[in-house]
Each structure stands twice: as structure tokens, then as C-alpha cells.
Amino acid sequence: GDRERAADLQKFLDDPSIRAVFCARGGYGTVRILDYLDFSSFCKNPKWIVGYSDITALHQLVHQQFGIITVHGTMPIHFSTPEKKTEPVESLQSLLFGELPAMRFPVHLFNRPGRFSGRITGGNLSVIYSLRGTPYDIHTDDAVLFLEDVDEYLYHIDRMMINLKKGGKLAHLRGLIVGGMTEMKDNLIPFGKDAYAIISEAVSEYDYPVVFGFPAGHLERNLAFPLGGMAEVDEKDGEITVQFLMQ
């Protein structure tokens, strides 16, 4: 049950010999255990918390309430065999051992260009939406917001973006970074826009830069990066560069 899972995680958070906690997989259920966790030992002796998707709830709590950076990255359910390391696993290993190579990816047609930097927050749009109006609600003012999602109806992407907009969560960003919006679903009567177009429209009245195609989320190229740390975004020769700082 929830208390059993919370007790297991608590044990790992409290153990000073553990340097990193890898969440085995996403799915659903992180939000059910947040209230049972005590972070007092963790704050004295922080360690990496690694995961993505449903783990967004845990990331959001840790870097918003305690100012501790976490890792948005691949999980053991996606780890490869020792003989064949994938790029997501290599990027995670690099980050955990103190290297922060810049992420590079092509310019997208929907991008709104401009250099920007700030503290990066966010993650899975559905999880962020589910935490709205709770003590774990996302703080986005003066931040770089990252969004990704999977297996959602297009109209629901629109509904969630409108919720963020009406709640003032999109108005005061340094910039918006959009990762994978994969395996989107549509109704019998098509919604008429893809996920990137929906997001682009939701932020059209603001003037901060927007970057699509960031290699993170439910993607084959799901590269690791520090959530709650600083991100510097630049564009040069048809390529976007994102440099992260552990501060």
C-alpha cells in the first residue's frame, strides 16, 4: 500500500550511505505518498533523486520546498544491458558523476527565438495539472518551465494548458521549453491541432522565448538534466544549445 511504499522511500532518503535514489518506473501513485514523507534527514544529507513522468510530483516537492536539485532522467525500467549503454543512460551517468555537457538539438518551426536563462522547473504536464490547487502546486514566476507528456487526448492538453494560463502559471516565465509530446490521441472529430500547436497558442500573448523539441520526456532520446538548477538557452546556426549549472 501507500504507507509501505512511503516507508521504503523514507528508508532510502534517511540512509547516509545511499548517494542516489533511482525511481524504478513512472505510471501513477507518487502523489499518494507525498504526505507520508519526512525530508528532515534528507535535507541534512541530500542525495540525487532520479526519475521522470509520475516522479514529477516528488521533484516538484523537493526543489520547491527545500531548494534541492533533483535529476529528470531515465529510470531502471528503461535501462539497457551492460554491453549496450543508451544515450539516456550515458547522459544520466555523466550528470551523476559531475559532468554537465550542453544539450544540442535542432531549431523547431514553432520556436520563439531568444536567449534566456533561469531556474528550470516542471516535468510531466498531467502531473503538474493534477497538483494545481494543492500545497504542491508549481511555482513558475521568474522560472524556465519545462513540459512533456505522453498518451493524452489533444483536447486534454488544451484543457491543461488553459488551466495553467488562467492560474497565472504561464504569464511570468523566463522561457518555456517543451520536450516530448508523444503518442497523443485524438477523438473521432479531430481537435484540429497537434500538441505543439496547442502549447504554442496557449503562450502566444506572452513575449518570452519558447523552445520545442527538447530531448527529454517519453522519448528514445530522453537525456538527463538537473531540475531546480539553472539553465542557459541559446540558438546558433539552426541549433539550440541548453547548458545546465548545478546551482
Protein backbone atom coordinates (compact mmCIF):
# COMPACT_ATOMS: atom_id res chain seq x y z
CA GLY A 1 0.00 0.00 0.00
CA ASP A 2 0.87 3.69 0.06
CA ARG A 3 2.35 3.63 3.56
CA GLU A 4 4.54 0.66 2.69
CA ARG A 5 5.91 2.41 -0.42
CA ALA A 6 6.43 5.62 1.57
CA ALA A 7 8.29 3.68 4.29
CA ASP A 8 10.60 2.12 1.68
CA LEU A 9 11.37 5.51 0.14
CA GLN A 10 11.81 7.04 3.61
CA LYS A 11 14.43 4.41 4.43
CA PHE A 12 16.41 5.32 1.30
CA LEU A 13 16.08 9.07 1.92
CA ASP A 14 17.36 8.67 5.50
CA ASP A 15 20.27 6.30 4.80
CA PRO A 16 23.51 8.36 4.71
CA SER A 17 25.33 5.62 2.78
CA ILE A 18 22.99 5.99 -0.22
CA ARG A 19 24.11 8.60 -2.76
CA ALA A 20 21.22 8.40 -5.24
CA VAL A 21 17.64 7.10 -5.25
CA PHE A 22 16.50 5.79 -8.64
CA CYS A 23 12.74 5.55 -9.06
CA ALA A 24 12.20 2.23 -10.85
CA ARG A 25 9.40 3.43 -13.11
CA GLY A 26 6.66 6.01 -13.64
CA GLY A 27 2.96 5.26 -14.08
CA TYR A 28 0.86 6.59 -11.22
CA GLY A 29 0.99 6.84 -7.44
CA THR A 30 3.77 9.23 -6.34
CA VAL A 31 1.21 11.86 -5.33
CA ARG A 32 -0.40 9.33 -2.94
CA ILE A 33 2.72 9.07 -0.74
CA LEU A 34 3.97 12.68 -0.57
CA ASP A 35 2.16 13.45 2.71
CA TYR A 36 3.82 10.48 4.45
CA LEU A 37 7.41 11.54 3.72
CA ASP A 38 9.73 13.33 6.15
CA PHE A 39 12.63 15.16 4.48
CA SER A 40 14.48 16.36 7.61
CA SER A 41 17.33 13.80 7.31
CA PHE A 42 17.41 14.18 3.53
CA CYS A 43 17.88 17.96 3.83
CA LYS A 44 20.88 17.47 6.13
CA ASN A 45 22.37 14.85 3.83
CA PRO A 46 20.92 15.36 0.31
CA LYS A 47 21.21 12.76 -2.43
CA TRP A 48 20.13 12.55 -6.04
CA ILE A 49 16.50 11.66 -6.70
CA VAL A 50 16.25 10.34 -10.26
CA GLY A 51 13.18 9.79 -12.42
CA TYR A 52 10.61 11.42 -14.69
CA SER A 53 6.91 11.27 -15.65
CA ASP A 54 4.94 10.45 -12.46
CA ILE A 55 8.07 11.31 -10.43
CA THR A 56 7.44 14.98 -11.34
CA ALA A 57 5.39 15.18 -8.11
CA LEU A 58 8.42 14.25 -6.00
CA HIS A 59 10.77 16.54 -7.96
CA GLN A 60 8.38 19.46 -7.53
CA LEU A 61 8.10 18.97 -3.77
CA VAL A 62 11.87 18.61 -3.22
CA HIS A 63 13.17 21.56 -5.20
CA GLN A 64 10.30 23.91 -4.35
CA GLN A 65 10.10 23.27 -0.61
CA PHE A 66 13.77 22.58 0.12
CA GLY A 67 15.71 24.17 -2.75
CA ILE A 68 17.46 20.88 -3.54
CA ILE A 69 18.20 19.97 -7.16
CA THR A 70 16.86 16.64 -8.48
CA VAL A 71 17.50 14.72 -11.71
CA HIS A 72 14.98 14.43 -14.54
CA GLY A 73 16.22 11.33 -16.30
CA THR A 74 15.62 7.79 -17.45
CA MET A 75 14.64 5.03 -15.00
CA PRO A 76 15.69 1.39 -14.46
CA ILE A 77 12.64 0.13 -16.39
CA HIS A 78 14.37 1.62 -19.48
CA PHE A 79 17.98 0.71 -18.63
CA SER A 80 19.78 -1.29 -21.29
CA THR A 81 22.10 -4.26 -20.88
CA PRO A 82 25.65 -3.54 -19.63
CA GLU A 83 27.01 -4.31 -23.12
CA LYS A 84 24.94 -1.60 -24.78
CA LYS A 85 24.56 1.72 -22.99
CA THR A 86 21.94 4.03 -24.49
CA GLU A 87 22.37 7.80 -24.78
CA PRO A 88 19.84 8.46 -21.95
CA VAL A 89 21.78 6.15 -19.60
CA GLU A 90 25.11 7.71 -20.61
CA SER A 91 23.75 11.22 -20.03
CA LEU A 92 22.44 10.18 -16.60
CA GLN A 93 25.78 8.64 -15.66
CA SER A 94 27.63 11.80 -16.76
CA LEU A 95 25.35 14.03 -14.68
CA LEU A 96 25.62 11.86 -11.57
CA PHE A 97 29.42 11.98 -11.82
CA GLY A 98 29.56 15.74 -12.13
CA GLU A 99 29.69 16.35 -15.88
CA LEU A 100 27.14 18.63 -17.48
CA PRO A 101 27.62 18.58 -21.25
CA ALA A 102 25.42 21.03 -23.16
CA MET A 103 22.30 19.60 -24.81
CA ARG A 104 22.04 20.31 -28.52
CA PHE A 105 19.01 19.80 -30.76
CA PRO A 106 17.57 21.33 -33.96
CA VAL A 107 15.52 24.52 -34.12
CA HIS A 108 11.76 23.82 -34.40
CA LEU A 109 9.38 25.74 -36.66
CA PHE A 110 7.22 26.81 -33.68
CA ASN A 111 10.14 28.22 -31.65
CA ARG A 112 10.01 31.81 -30.49
CA PRO A 113 13.69 32.73 -30.59
CA GLY A 114 15.76 34.46 -27.95
CA ARG A 115 18.47 33.77 -25.41
CA PHE A 116 17.25 33.14 -21.87
CA SER A 117 18.34 31.70 -18.56
CA GLY A 118 16.76 30.88 -15.22
CA ARG A 119 15.95 28.13 -12.76
CA ILE A 120 14.29 25.21 -14.53
CA THR A 121 11.15 23.64 -13.12
CA GLY A 122 8.33 21.47 -14.46
CA GLY A 123 8.12 17.99 -15.93
CA ASN A 124 5.05 15.98 -16.85
CA LEU A 125 2.13 18.28 -17.74
CA SER A 126 -0.55 15.87 -16.45
CA VAL A 127 1.16 15.58 -13.06
CA ILE A 128 1.68 19.36 -12.81
CA TYR A 129 -2.02 19.81 -13.64
CA SER A 130 -3.05 17.24 -11.01
CA LEU A 131 -1.16 19.18 -8.30
CA ARG A 132 -2.82 22.53 -9.08
CA GLY A 133 -4.60 23.95 -6.03
CA THR A 134 -2.68 21.68 -3.63
CA PRO A 135 0.23 22.52 -1.29
CA TYR A 136 2.47 21.05 -4.01
CA ASP A 137 1.29 23.43 -6.76
CA ILE A 138 4.05 24.50 -9.15
CA HIS A 139 5.86 27.84 -8.74
CA THR A 140 6.68 29.30 -12.16
CA ASP A 141 7.32 33.02 -11.62
CA ASP A 142 10.72 34.00 -12.99
CA ALA A 143 11.45 30.36 -13.90
CA VAL A 144 12.19 28.39 -17.04
CA LEU A 145 9.25 25.98 -17.40
CA PHE A 146 9.78 22.53 -18.94
CA LEU A 147 6.79 20.47 -20.11
CA GLU A 148 6.38 16.96 -21.56
CA ASP A 149 3.57 14.40 -21.75
CA VAL A 150 2.51 11.07 -23.23
CA ASP A 151 -0.66 9.21 -24.18
CA GLU A 152 -3.04 12.14 -23.69
CA TYR A 153 -6.00 13.33 -25.74
CA LEU A 154 -5.24 16.56 -27.58
CA TYR A 155 -8.29 18.34 -26.13
CA HIS A 156 -6.96 17.47 -22.66
CA ILE A 157 -3.56 19.01 -23.46
CA ASP A 158 -5.52 22.15 -24.35
CA ARG A 159 -7.56 21.93 -21.12
CA MET A 160 -4.39 21.62 -19.00
CA MET A 161 -2.63 24.49 -20.77
CA ILE A 162 -5.70 26.71 -20.32
CA ASN A 163 -5.70 25.81 -16.61
CA LEU A 164 -2.04 26.85 -16.27
CA LYS A 165 -2.78 30.04 -18.19
CA LYS A 166 -5.89 31.02 -16.19
CA GLY A 167 -3.99 30.27 -12.98
CA GLY A 168 -1.21 32.71 -13.90
CA LYS A 169 1.37 29.96 -14.28
CA LEU A 170 2.42 30.94 -17.83
CA ALA A 171 2.50 34.73 -17.51
CA HIS A 172 5.84 35.37 -15.81
CA LEU A 173 8.26 32.80 -17.23
CA ARG A 174 11.85 33.44 -18.29
CA GLY A 175 11.18 30.99 -21.11
CA LEU A 176 9.31 27.79 -21.98
CA ILE A 177 10.99 24.52 -23.02
CA VAL A 178 8.81 21.76 -24.48
CA GLY A 179 10.06 18.18 -24.67
CA GLY A 180 8.34 15.06 -25.97
CA MET A 181 4.59 15.16 -26.55
CA THR A 182 4.36 11.55 -27.62
CA GLU A 183 1.60 9.08 -28.54
CA MET A 184 -1.06 11.79 -28.47
CA LYS A 185 -4.66 10.66 -29.03
CA ASP A 186 -7.49 12.36 -30.89
CA ASN A 187 -11.27 12.00 -30.91
CA LEU A 188 -13.48 10.87 -33.79
CA ILE A 189 -13.97 14.55 -34.58
CA PRO A 190 -10.34 15.75 -34.75
CA PHE A 191 -9.21 18.51 -32.41
CA GLY A 192 -7.52 20.22 -35.34
CA LYS A 193 -4.12 21.00 -33.81
CA ASP A 194 -1.21 18.89 -32.62
CA ALA A 195 0.19 19.22 -29.09
CA TYR A 196 2.97 21.64 -30.05
CA ALA A 197 0.45 23.92 -31.83
CA ILE A 198 -1.83 23.83 -28.76
CA ILE A 199 1.03 24.82 -26.44
CA SER A 200 2.26 27.49 -28.86
CA GLU A 201 -1.21 29.04 -28.98
CA ALA A 202 -1.56 28.97 -25.17
CA VAL A 203 1.53 31.18 -24.76
CA SER A 204 1.08 33.33 -27.89
CA GLU A 205 0.22 36.50 -25.96
CA TYR A 206 3.47 36.43 -23.94
CA ASP A 207 6.79 37.61 -25.31
CA TYR A 208 9.31 35.24 -23.67
CA PRO A 209 11.25 32.73 -25.82
CA VAL A 210 9.75 29.27 -26.45
CA VAL A 211 11.74 26.20 -27.50
CA PHE A 212 10.22 22.96 -28.84
CA GLY A 213 11.89 19.60 -29.43
CA PHE A 214 13.93 19.44 -26.21
CA PRO A 215 15.26 15.85 -25.90
CA ALA A 216 13.54 14.85 -22.65
CA GLY A 217 10.32 13.05 -21.78
CA HIS A 218 8.78 9.84 -23.12
CA LEU A 219 11.29 9.70 -25.95
CA GLU A 220 14.01 7.36 -27.10
CA ARG A 221 16.42 10.29 -26.61
CA ASN A 222 15.41 11.15 -23.03
CA LEU A 223 18.51 12.97 -21.79
CA ALA A 224 19.13 13.67 -18.11
CA PHE A 225 19.20 17.19 -16.70
CA PRO A 226 19.06 18.85 -13.25
CA LEU A 227 15.58 20.06 -12.26
CA GLY A 228 15.72 23.04 -9.94
CA GLY A 229 19.13 24.08 -11.28
CA MET A 230 20.00 26.91 -13.66
CA ALA A 231 19.54 26.55 -17.42
CA GLU A 232 21.04 28.81 -20.10
CA VAL A 233 19.45 28.56 -23.55
CA ASP A 234 20.93 29.90 -26.78
CA GLU A 235 20.45 29.48 -30.53
CA LYS A 236 23.19 29.36 -33.14
CA ASP A 237 23.40 28.06 -36.72
CA GLY A 238 19.99 26.34 -36.65
CA GLU A 239 20.71 24.59 -33.37
CA ILE A 240 19.50 25.15 -29.81
CA THR A 241 22.04 24.76 -27.01
CA VAL A 242 20.99 24.30 -23.38
CA GLN A 243 23.69 24.49 -20.73
CA PHE A 244 22.84 23.47 -17.16
CA LEU A 245 24.54 24.63 -13.98
CA MET A 246 24.42 22.86 -10.61
CA GLN A 247 23.48 25.95 -8.65
